[in-house]
């Protein structure tokens, strides 16, 4: 077993090193509306995010295939959820801590190849609750997934342990 070395790529980690790398994690994001490490691993690209809407895309890479060779449903849902998060980030103050509390997805057709695009919009915002929807389309403009989700802003709404390059970290009260 490999020990005593600095790990720069999670794929190179041994099981023992993975156990010790389970968090909490502290990291720097490029800016408020940017992809987090998991989203970067999925090769998600933010095309736009403004006024409660967002458009993101993701390629269908070999690693995203399920057993029948189709794009894995979890990858599609990850894209849809991330797109809706970016739409929300476009209307809440930077460093607002919010999370998905419920979601539903309707799979409309399989993805066999190409690039998928998610188009999201916030449909309701009341108090600390936000709702929205995402449609994911394939590269032939056909809908492949309809996604709906509800989010809640945390009572202690400041994000901890993550720094954003375009916003100063607020000191603790």
N, C-alpha and C. Protein backbone atom coordinates (compact mmCIF):
# COMPACT_ATOMS: atom_id res chain seq x y z
N UNK A 1 0.84 -1.18 0.00
CA UNK A 1 0.00 0.00 0.00
C UNK A 1 0.88 1.24 0.00
N UNK A 2 0.49 2.24 -0.79
CA UNK A 2 1.25 3.48 -0.87
C UNK A 2 0.93 4.34 0.35
N UNK A 3 1.95 4.85 1.00
CA UNK A 3 1.73 5.74 2.13
C UNK A 3 2.77 6.84 2.11
N UNK A 4 2.52 7.89 2.85
CA UNK A 4 3.49 8.95 3.02
C UNK A 4 3.75 9.80 1.80
N UNK A 5 2.84 9.86 0.86
CA UNK A 5 3.06 10.70 -0.31
C UNK A 5 1.90 11.67 -0.44
N UNK A 6 2.17 12.79 -1.07
CA UNK A 6 1.14 13.78 -1.31
C UNK A 6 0.31 13.33 -2.50
N UNK A 7 -1.01 13.37 -2.35
CA UNK A 7 -1.90 12.93 -3.41
C UNK A 7 -2.37 14.15 -4.18
N UNK A 8 -2.18 14.13 -5.50
CA UNK A 8 -2.61 15.25 -6.33
C UNK A 8 -3.78 14.86 -7.23
N UNK A 9 -4.08 13.58 -7.32
CA UNK A 9 -5.16 13.13 -8.18
C UNK A 9 -5.89 12.01 -7.45
N UNK A 10 -7.18 12.15 -7.23
CA UNK A 10 -7.92 11.16 -6.43
C UNK A 10 -7.88 9.78 -7.05
N UNK A 11 -7.70 9.69 -8.36
CA UNK A 11 -7.65 8.39 -9.01
C UNK A 11 -6.42 7.60 -8.55
N UNK A 12 -5.33 8.32 -8.21
CA UNK A 12 -4.10 7.67 -7.76
C UNK A 12 -4.13 7.28 -6.29
N UNK A 13 -5.20 7.61 -5.58
CA UNK A 13 -5.26 7.34 -4.15
C UNK A 13 -5.53 5.86 -3.88
N UNK A 14 -4.96 5.34 -2.82
CA UNK A 14 -5.29 4.00 -2.38
C UNK A 14 -6.54 4.08 -1.53
N UNK A 15 -7.14 2.94 -1.21
CA UNK A 15 -8.32 2.92 -0.37
C UNK A 15 -8.05 3.62 0.96
N UNK A 16 -6.90 3.34 1.56
CA UNK A 16 -6.55 3.94 2.84
C UNK A 16 -6.49 5.47 2.73
N UNK A 17 -5.90 5.97 1.65
CA UNK A 17 -5.81 7.41 1.47
C UNK A 17 -7.19 8.02 1.22
N UNK A 18 -8.06 7.31 0.50
CA UNK A 18 -9.42 7.79 0.29
C UNK A 18 -10.16 7.93 1.60
N UNK A 19 -9.99 6.99 2.51
CA UNK A 19 -10.66 7.06 3.80
C UNK A 19 -10.24 8.31 4.56
N UNK A 20 -8.97 8.66 4.47
CA UNK A 20 -8.48 9.83 5.19
C UNK A 20 -8.78 11.14 4.47
N UNK A 21 -9.29 11.08 3.26
CA UNK A 21 -9.58 12.29 2.49
C UNK A 21 -11.08 12.54 2.38
N UNK A 22 -11.85 12.11 3.37
CA UNK A 22 -13.31 12.21 3.26
C UNK A 22 -13.87 13.50 3.81
N UNK A 23 -13.06 14.44 4.18
CA UNK A 23 -13.56 15.75 4.59
C UNK A 23 -13.37 16.01 6.07
N UNK A 24 -13.72 17.18 6.51
CA UNK A 24 -14.29 18.26 5.70
C UNK A 24 -13.25 18.80 4.71
N UNK A 25 -13.76 19.33 3.60
CA UNK A 25 -12.89 19.84 2.55
C UNK A 25 -12.95 21.36 2.52
N UNK A 26 -11.83 21.98 2.30
CA UNK A 26 -11.72 23.43 2.16
C UNK A 26 -11.12 23.69 0.78
N UNK A 27 -11.74 24.56 0.01
CA UNK A 27 -11.19 24.82 -1.31
C UNK A 27 -11.59 26.20 -1.78
N UNK A 28 -10.94 26.64 -2.84
CA UNK A 28 -11.17 27.94 -3.46
C UNK A 28 -11.89 27.72 -4.78
N UNK A 29 -13.02 28.40 -4.96
CA UNK A 29 -13.69 28.38 -6.26
C UNK A 29 -13.30 29.64 -7.01
N UNK A 30 -13.29 29.57 -8.33
CA UNK A 30 -12.89 30.72 -9.14
C UNK A 30 -13.74 31.95 -8.86
N UNK A 31 -15.04 31.74 -8.74
CA UNK A 31 -15.98 32.84 -8.48
C UNK A 31 -17.29 32.25 -8.00
N UNK A 32 -18.25 33.09 -7.67
CA UNK A 32 -19.53 32.64 -7.13
C UNK A 32 -20.26 31.74 -8.12
N UNK A 33 -20.38 32.16 -9.36
CA UNK A 33 -21.02 31.32 -10.38
C UNK A 33 -19.90 30.62 -11.14
N UNK A 34 -19.56 29.43 -10.63
CA UNK A 34 -18.48 28.62 -11.19
C UNK A 34 -18.73 27.16 -10.80
N UNK A 35 -18.08 26.27 -11.50
CA UNK A 35 -18.23 24.84 -11.21
C UNK A 35 -17.37 24.44 -10.02
N UNK A 36 -17.98 23.66 -9.13
CA UNK A 36 -17.29 23.08 -7.98
C UNK A 36 -16.51 21.85 -8.46
N UNK A 37 -15.68 21.25 -7.61
CA UNK A 37 -14.87 20.10 -8.04
C UNK A 37 -15.66 18.97 -8.69
N UNK A 38 -16.80 18.57 -8.13
CA UNK A 38 -17.59 17.49 -8.72
C UNK A 38 -18.06 17.86 -10.13
N UNK A 39 -18.52 19.09 -10.29
CA UNK A 39 -19.02 19.54 -11.59
C UNK A 39 -17.89 19.62 -12.62
N UNK A 40 -16.69 19.99 -12.16
CA UNK A 40 -15.53 19.98 -13.05
C UNK A 40 -15.21 18.55 -13.48
N UNK A 41 -15.34 17.60 -12.56
CA UNK A 41 -15.08 16.19 -12.87
C UNK A 41 -16.03 15.72 -13.97
N UNK A 42 -17.26 16.28 -14.02
CA UNK A 42 -18.23 15.93 -15.04
C UNK A 42 -18.06 16.74 -16.33
N UNK A 43 -17.08 17.63 -16.35
CA UNK A 43 -16.80 18.47 -17.53
C UNK A 43 -17.97 19.39 -17.86
N UNK A 44 -18.69 19.82 -16.83
CA UNK A 44 -19.81 20.75 -17.03
C UNK A 44 -19.25 22.13 -17.36
N UNK A 45 -19.88 22.78 -18.31
CA UNK A 45 -19.49 24.12 -18.72
C UNK A 45 -20.69 25.06 -18.56
N UNK A 46 -20.48 26.19 -17.91
CA UNK A 46 -21.54 27.19 -17.75
C UNK A 46 -21.48 28.12 -18.95
N UNK A 47 -22.56 28.12 -19.73
CA UNK A 47 -22.63 29.00 -20.90
C UNK A 47 -23.19 30.36 -20.52
N UNK A 48 -24.19 30.36 -19.65
CA UNK A 48 -24.74 31.62 -19.15
C UNK A 48 -25.49 31.38 -17.85
N UNK A 49 -25.56 32.42 -17.04
CA UNK A 49 -26.33 32.38 -15.79
C UNK A 49 -26.65 33.82 -15.40
N UNK A 50 -27.92 34.20 -15.50
CA UNK A 50 -28.34 35.56 -15.19
C UNK A 50 -29.85 35.60 -15.05
N UNK A 51 -30.31 36.49 -14.18
CA UNK A 51 -31.74 36.77 -14.04
C UNK A 51 -32.59 35.53 -13.77
N UNK A 52 -32.06 34.60 -12.97
CA UNK A 52 -32.83 33.41 -12.61
C UNK A 52 -32.88 32.34 -13.68
N UNK A 53 -31.99 32.42 -14.66
CA UNK A 53 -31.92 31.43 -15.74
C UNK A 53 -30.46 31.00 -15.91
N UNK A 54 -30.28 29.80 -16.43
CA UNK A 54 -28.92 29.33 -16.70
C UNK A 54 -28.94 28.32 -17.83
N UNK A 55 -27.83 28.26 -18.56
CA UNK A 55 -27.62 27.27 -19.62
C UNK A 55 -26.25 26.66 -19.39
N UNK A 56 -26.22 25.34 -19.24
CA UNK A 56 -24.98 24.59 -19.03
C UNK A 56 -24.93 23.44 -20.02
N UNK A 57 -23.72 22.95 -20.28
CA UNK A 57 -23.63 21.77 -21.15
C UNK A 57 -22.57 20.82 -20.60
N UNK A 58 -22.69 19.56 -21.08
CA UNK A 58 -21.80 18.50 -20.62
C UNK A 58 -21.66 17.47 -21.74
N UNK A 59 -20.44 17.03 -22.02
CA UNK A 59 -20.26 16.00 -23.04
C UNK A 59 -20.60 14.62 -22.49
N UNK A 60 -20.99 13.72 -23.37
CA UNK A 60 -21.20 12.33 -22.99
C UNK A 60 -19.87 11.61 -23.18
N UNK A 61 -19.10 11.54 -22.12
CA UNK A 61 -17.82 10.85 -22.14
C UNK A 61 -18.02 9.38 -21.79
N UNK A 62 -17.07 8.55 -22.16
CA UNK A 62 -17.13 7.12 -21.88
C UNK A 62 -17.40 6.84 -20.40
N UNK A 63 -16.76 7.60 -19.52
CA UNK A 63 -16.91 7.39 -18.08
C UNK A 63 -18.33 7.68 -17.58
N UNK A 64 -19.18 8.30 -18.38
CA UNK A 64 -20.54 8.64 -17.96
C UNK A 64 -21.56 7.62 -18.47
N UNK A 65 -21.09 6.51 -19.03
CA UNK A 65 -21.98 5.49 -19.59
C UNK A 65 -22.42 4.51 -18.50
N UNK A 66 -23.66 4.06 -18.61
CA UNK A 66 -24.13 2.97 -17.76
C UNK A 66 -23.93 1.66 -18.52
N UNK A 67 -24.39 0.56 -17.97
CA UNK A 67 -24.09 -0.76 -18.51
C UNK A 67 -24.55 -1.02 -19.94
N UNK A 68 -25.58 -0.33 -20.40
CA UNK A 68 -26.06 -0.53 -21.76
C UNK A 68 -25.41 0.44 -22.75
N UNK A 69 -24.47 1.25 -22.27
CA UNK A 69 -23.78 2.18 -23.15
C UNK A 69 -24.47 3.51 -23.33
N UNK A 70 -25.53 3.75 -22.58
CA UNK A 70 -26.24 5.03 -22.63
C UNK A 70 -25.69 5.96 -21.55
N UNK A 71 -25.98 7.25 -21.69
CA UNK A 71 -25.54 8.19 -20.65
C UNK A 71 -26.27 7.87 -19.36
N UNK A 72 -25.51 7.79 -18.27
CA UNK A 72 -26.05 7.44 -16.97
C UNK A 72 -27.04 8.51 -16.51
N UNK A 73 -28.17 8.07 -15.97
CA UNK A 73 -29.19 8.99 -15.49
C UNK A 73 -28.69 9.91 -14.39
N UNK A 74 -27.79 9.41 -13.57
CA UNK A 74 -27.22 10.24 -12.50
C UNK A 74 -26.41 11.39 -13.05
N UNK A 75 -25.72 11.18 -14.17
CA UNK A 75 -24.97 12.26 -14.80
C UNK A 75 -25.92 13.32 -15.33
N UNK A 76 -27.03 12.88 -15.94
CA UNK A 76 -28.02 13.84 -16.46
C UNK A 76 -28.65 14.64 -15.32
N UNK A 77 -29.00 13.99 -14.24
CA UNK A 77 -29.60 14.68 -13.09
C UNK A 77 -28.59 15.64 -12.47
N UNK A 78 -27.32 15.24 -12.40
CA UNK A 78 -26.29 16.13 -11.87
C UNK A 78 -26.19 17.41 -12.70
N UNK A 79 -26.24 17.27 -14.02
CA UNK A 79 -26.22 18.44 -14.89
C UNK A 79 -27.45 19.30 -14.65
N UNK A 80 -28.63 18.69 -14.60
CA UNK A 80 -29.87 19.44 -14.42
C UNK A 80 -29.89 20.19 -13.08
N UNK A 81 -29.49 19.52 -12.02
CA UNK A 81 -29.45 20.14 -10.69
C UNK A 81 -28.43 21.28 -10.67
N UNK A 82 -27.26 21.05 -11.23
CA UNK A 82 -26.23 22.09 -11.26
C UNK A 82 -26.70 23.31 -12.05
N UNK A 83 -27.39 23.08 -13.16
CA UNK A 83 -27.90 24.21 -13.95
C UNK A 83 -28.89 25.03 -13.14
N UNK A 84 -29.75 24.36 -12.40
CA UNK A 84 -30.72 25.09 -11.58
C UNK A 84 -30.02 25.83 -10.44
N UNK A 85 -28.99 25.24 -9.88
CA UNK A 85 -28.19 25.92 -8.86
C UNK A 85 -27.60 27.21 -9.43
N UNK A 86 -27.07 27.17 -10.63
CA UNK A 86 -26.48 28.37 -11.23
C UNK A 86 -27.54 29.43 -11.50
N UNK A 87 -28.75 29.00 -11.89
CA UNK A 87 -29.84 29.96 -12.07
C UNK A 87 -30.17 30.63 -10.74
N UNK A 88 -30.19 29.86 -9.66
CA UNK A 88 -30.45 30.43 -8.32
C UNK A 88 -29.32 31.36 -7.91
N UNK A 89 -28.08 30.94 -8.13
CA UNK A 89 -26.95 31.78 -7.76
C UNK A 89 -27.00 33.14 -8.45
N UNK A 90 -27.65 33.18 -9.63
CA UNK A 90 -27.73 34.44 -10.36
C UNK A 90 -28.69 35.44 -9.72
N UNK A 91 -29.50 35.00 -8.74
CA UNK A 91 -30.46 35.92 -8.11
C UNK A 91 -30.31 36.05 -6.60
N UNK A 92 -29.45 35.25 -5.98
CA UNK A 92 -29.24 35.39 -4.52
C UNK A 92 -27.89 36.05 -4.29
N UNK A 93 -27.70 36.67 -3.10
CA UNK A 93 -26.40 37.30 -2.82
C UNK A 93 -25.27 36.27 -2.80
N UNK A 94 -24.07 36.66 -3.25
CA UNK A 94 -22.93 35.76 -3.19
C UNK A 94 -22.73 35.20 -1.78
N UNK A 95 -22.29 33.95 -1.72
CA UNK A 95 -22.03 33.20 -0.51
C UNK A 95 -23.30 32.79 0.25
N UNK A 96 -24.46 32.88 -0.41
CA UNK A 96 -25.69 32.40 0.22
C UNK A 96 -25.68 30.88 0.22
N UNK A 97 -25.87 30.30 1.40
CA UNK A 97 -25.87 28.84 1.53
C UNK A 97 -27.29 28.32 1.29
N UNK A 98 -27.45 27.51 0.26
CA UNK A 98 -28.74 26.89 -0.03
C UNK A 98 -28.48 25.48 -0.53
N UNK A 99 -29.51 24.64 -0.47
CA UNK A 99 -29.33 23.25 -0.86
C UNK A 99 -30.61 22.70 -1.48
N UNK A 100 -30.44 21.69 -2.33
CA UNK A 100 -31.57 20.96 -2.89
C UNK A 100 -32.24 20.17 -1.77
N UNK A 101 -33.56 20.33 -1.63
CA UNK A 101 -34.28 19.56 -0.60
C UNK A 101 -35.20 18.51 -1.20
N UNK A 102 -35.60 18.69 -2.46
CA UNK A 102 -36.37 17.65 -3.15
C UNK A 102 -36.19 17.84 -4.65
N UNK A 103 -36.34 16.73 -5.37
CA UNK A 103 -36.21 16.79 -6.83
C UNK A 103 -37.01 15.67 -7.47
N UNK A 104 -37.38 15.90 -8.71
CA UNK A 104 -38.05 14.87 -9.51
C UNK A 104 -37.52 14.97 -10.93
N UNK A 105 -37.37 13.81 -11.56
CA UNK A 105 -36.84 13.78 -12.92
C UNK A 105 -37.67 12.83 -13.76
N UNK A 106 -37.98 13.27 -14.97
CA UNK A 106 -38.65 12.43 -15.95
C UNK A 106 -37.69 12.22 -17.11
N UNK A 107 -37.30 10.97 -17.32
CA UNK A 107 -36.41 10.63 -18.42
C UNK A 107 -37.25 10.46 -19.68
N UNK A 108 -36.92 11.21 -20.73
CA UNK A 108 -37.74 11.25 -21.93
C UNK A 108 -37.19 10.42 -23.08
N UNK A 109 -35.88 10.35 -23.20
CA UNK A 109 -35.25 9.53 -24.24
C UNK A 109 -33.80 9.30 -23.85
N UNK A 110 -33.22 8.20 -24.34
CA UNK A 110 -31.82 7.90 -23.99
C UNK A 110 -30.84 8.79 -24.75
N UNK A 111 -29.69 9.00 -24.14
CA UNK A 111 -28.60 9.72 -24.79
C UNK A 111 -27.54 8.69 -25.16
N UNK A 112 -27.22 8.62 -26.44
CA UNK A 112 -26.25 7.65 -26.93
C UNK A 112 -24.90 8.26 -27.26
N UNK A 113 -24.89 9.58 -27.50
CA UNK A 113 -23.64 10.25 -27.91
C UNK A 113 -23.83 11.75 -27.83
N UNK A 114 -22.74 12.46 -28.03
CA UNK A 114 -22.80 13.91 -28.19
C UNK A 114 -22.69 14.70 -26.90
N UNK A 115 -23.28 15.88 -26.95
CA UNK A 115 -23.24 16.85 -25.85
C UNK A 115 -24.67 17.14 -25.45
N UNK A 116 -24.93 17.18 -24.15
CA UNK A 116 -26.26 17.54 -23.65
C UNK A 116 -26.21 18.95 -23.07
N UNK A 117 -27.32 19.66 -23.21
CA UNK A 117 -27.42 21.04 -22.74
C UNK A 117 -28.61 21.15 -21.79
N UNK A 118 -28.38 21.81 -20.67
CA UNK A 118 -29.44 22.02 -19.68
C UNK A 118 -29.85 23.49 -19.68
N UNK A 119 -31.16 23.72 -19.75
CA UNK A 119 -31.72 25.07 -19.69
C UNK A 119 -32.61 25.14 -18.46
N UNK A 120 -32.24 26.01 -17.53
CA UNK A 120 -32.93 26.09 -16.23
C UNK A 120 -33.52 27.46 -16.00
N UNK A 121 -34.55 27.46 -15.14
CA UNK A 121 -35.09 28.74 -14.68
C UNK A 121 -35.69 28.58 -13.30
N UNK A 122 -35.55 29.62 -12.51
CA UNK A 122 -36.20 29.68 -11.20
C UNK A 122 -37.65 30.03 -11.46
N UNK A 123 -38.57 29.24 -10.91
CA UNK A 123 -39.99 29.48 -11.17
C UNK A 123 -40.72 30.07 -9.97
N UNK A 124 -40.15 29.96 -8.77
CA UNK A 124 -40.78 30.51 -7.57
C UNK A 124 -39.71 30.78 -6.53
N UNK A 125 -39.88 31.88 -5.82
CA UNK A 125 -38.98 32.23 -4.72
C UNK A 125 -39.82 32.92 -3.65
N UNK A 126 -39.92 32.28 -2.48
CA UNK A 126 -40.71 32.83 -1.39
C UNK A 126 -40.00 32.53 -0.07
N UNK A 127 -39.76 33.57 0.70
CA UNK A 127 -39.02 33.45 1.95
C UNK A 127 -37.68 32.75 1.67
N UNK A 128 -37.47 31.60 2.28
CA UNK A 128 -36.21 30.87 2.10
C UNK A 128 -36.35 29.73 1.09
N UNK A 129 -37.51 29.59 0.46
CA UNK A 129 -37.75 28.49 -0.48
C UNK A 129 -37.63 28.98 -1.93
N UNK A 130 -37.00 28.16 -2.74
CA UNK A 130 -36.86 28.45 -4.17
C UNK A 130 -37.23 27.20 -4.94
N UNK A 131 -37.87 27.37 -6.08
CA UNK A 131 -38.22 26.24 -6.94
C UNK A 131 -37.80 26.56 -8.37
N UNK A 132 -37.57 25.50 -9.13
CA UNK A 132 -37.20 25.72 -10.51
C UNK A 132 -37.31 24.46 -11.33
N UNK A 133 -37.05 24.63 -12.62
CA UNK A 133 -37.13 23.50 -13.54
C UNK A 133 -35.97 23.58 -14.54
N UNK A 134 -35.64 22.43 -15.05
CA UNK A 134 -34.58 22.31 -16.05
C UNK A 134 -35.05 21.34 -17.13
N UNK A 135 -34.77 21.69 -18.36
CA UNK A 135 -34.94 20.75 -19.47
C UNK A 135 -33.56 20.47 -20.03
N UNK A 136 -33.23 19.20 -20.14
CA UNK A 136 -31.96 18.80 -20.75
C UNK A 136 -32.27 18.31 -22.15
N UNK A 137 -31.51 18.82 -23.12
CA UNK A 137 -31.71 18.44 -24.52
C UNK A 137 -30.42 17.81 -25.07
N UNK A 138 -30.58 16.97 -26.09
CA UNK A 138 -29.41 16.39 -26.73
C UNK A 138 -28.92 17.33 -27.83
N UNK A 139 -27.88 16.91 -28.55
CA UNK A 139 -27.31 17.81 -29.56
C UNK A 139 -28.15 17.88 -30.83
N UNK A 140 -29.30 17.20 -30.84
CA UNK A 140 -30.27 17.34 -31.93
C UNK A 140 -31.49 18.15 -31.47
N UNK A 141 -31.33 18.83 -30.30
CA UNK A 141 -32.38 19.70 -29.73
C UNK A 141 -33.60 18.92 -29.24
N UNK A 142 -33.45 17.61 -28.99
CA UNK A 142 -34.55 16.81 -28.48
C UNK A 142 -34.49 16.76 -26.95
N UNK A 143 -35.62 16.94 -26.27
CA UNK A 143 -35.60 16.85 -24.80
C UNK A 143 -35.30 15.42 -24.36
N UNK A 144 -34.38 15.29 -23.40
CA UNK A 144 -34.04 13.97 -22.87
C UNK A 144 -34.38 13.85 -21.39
N UNK A 145 -34.55 14.99 -20.68
CA UNK A 145 -34.85 14.96 -19.26
C UNK A 145 -35.60 16.22 -18.87
N UNK A 146 -36.70 16.03 -18.13
CA UNK A 146 -37.38 17.15 -17.47
C UNK A 146 -37.11 17.00 -15.98
N UNK A 147 -36.69 18.09 -15.35
CA UNK A 147 -36.24 18.07 -13.96
C UNK A 147 -36.90 19.21 -13.20
N UNK A 148 -37.37 18.93 -12.00
CA UNK A 148 -37.93 19.94 -11.12
C UNK A 148 -37.30 19.77 -9.74
N UNK A 149 -37.06 20.89 -9.07
CA UNK A 149 -36.45 20.78 -7.74
C UNK A 149 -36.86 21.95 -6.86
N UNK A 150 -36.75 21.69 -5.57
CA UNK A 150 -37.02 22.69 -4.54
C UNK A 150 -35.74 22.86 -3.73
N UNK A 151 -35.42 24.09 -3.39
CA UNK A 151 -34.22 24.42 -2.64
C UNK A 151 -34.62 25.23 -1.41
N UNK A 152 -33.77 25.21 -0.42
CA UNK A 152 -34.01 26.01 0.77
C UNK A 152 -32.73 26.74 1.13
N UNK A 153 -32.87 28.02 1.45
CA UNK A 153 -31.75 28.81 1.94
C UNK A 153 -31.60 28.53 3.42
N UNK A 154 -30.38 28.26 3.85
CA UNK A 154 -30.11 27.94 5.25
C UNK A 154 -30.39 29.15 6.14
N UNK A 155 -30.81 28.88 7.37
CA UNK A 155 -31.02 29.98 8.33
C UNK A 155 -29.72 30.73 8.57
N UNK A 156 -28.64 30.00 8.75
CA UNK A 156 -27.31 30.59 8.83
C UNK A 156 -26.78 30.53 7.40
N UNK A 157 -27.09 31.55 6.64
CA UNK A 157 -26.97 31.48 5.19
C UNK A 157 -25.57 31.69 4.64
N UNK A 158 -24.54 31.84 5.48
CA UNK A 158 -23.20 32.07 4.96
C UNK A 158 -22.48 30.74 4.76
N UNK A 159 -21.91 30.55 3.59
CA UNK A 159 -21.16 29.33 3.29
C UNK A 159 -19.82 29.37 4.02
N UNK A 160 -19.47 28.26 4.63
CA UNK A 160 -18.18 28.14 5.32
C UNK A 160 -17.29 27.17 4.56
N UNK A 161 -15.99 27.30 4.74
CA UNK A 161 -14.96 26.38 4.22
C UNK A 161 -14.78 26.44 2.71
N UNK A 162 -15.45 27.38 2.04
CA UNK A 162 -15.25 27.57 0.61
C UNK A 162 -15.02 29.05 0.37
N UNK A 163 -13.97 29.36 -0.36
CA UNK A 163 -13.68 30.75 -0.72
C UNK A 163 -14.03 30.93 -2.19
N UNK A 164 -14.53 32.11 -2.52
CA UNK A 164 -14.88 32.43 -3.90
C UNK A 164 -13.99 33.57 -4.36
N UNK A 165 -13.36 33.40 -5.50
CA UNK A 165 -12.39 34.37 -5.99
C UNK A 165 -12.94 35.75 -6.23
N UNK A 166 -14.23 35.88 -6.49
CA UNK A 166 -14.78 37.19 -6.80
C UNK A 166 -15.53 37.83 -5.64
N UNK A 167 -15.54 37.19 -4.46
CA UNK A 167 -16.22 37.77 -3.31
C UNK A 167 -15.37 37.59 -2.05
N UNK A 168 -15.25 38.65 -1.26
CA UNK A 168 -14.47 38.52 -0.03
C UNK A 168 -15.21 37.65 0.98
N UNK A 169 -14.47 36.90 1.77
CA UNK A 169 -15.07 36.08 2.82
C UNK A 169 -15.49 36.99 3.95
N UNK A 170 -16.72 36.84 4.38
CA UNK A 170 -17.23 37.65 5.47
C UNK A 170 -16.72 37.11 6.80
N UNK A 171 -16.25 37.98 7.69
CA UNK A 171 -15.81 37.48 9.00
C UNK A 171 -16.98 36.97 9.81
N UNK A 172 -16.69 36.03 10.71
CA UNK A 172 -17.74 35.49 11.58
C UNK A 172 -18.22 36.58 12.52
N UNK A 173 -19.53 36.65 12.78
CA UNK A 173 -20.05 37.67 13.69
C UNK A 173 -19.62 37.41 15.13
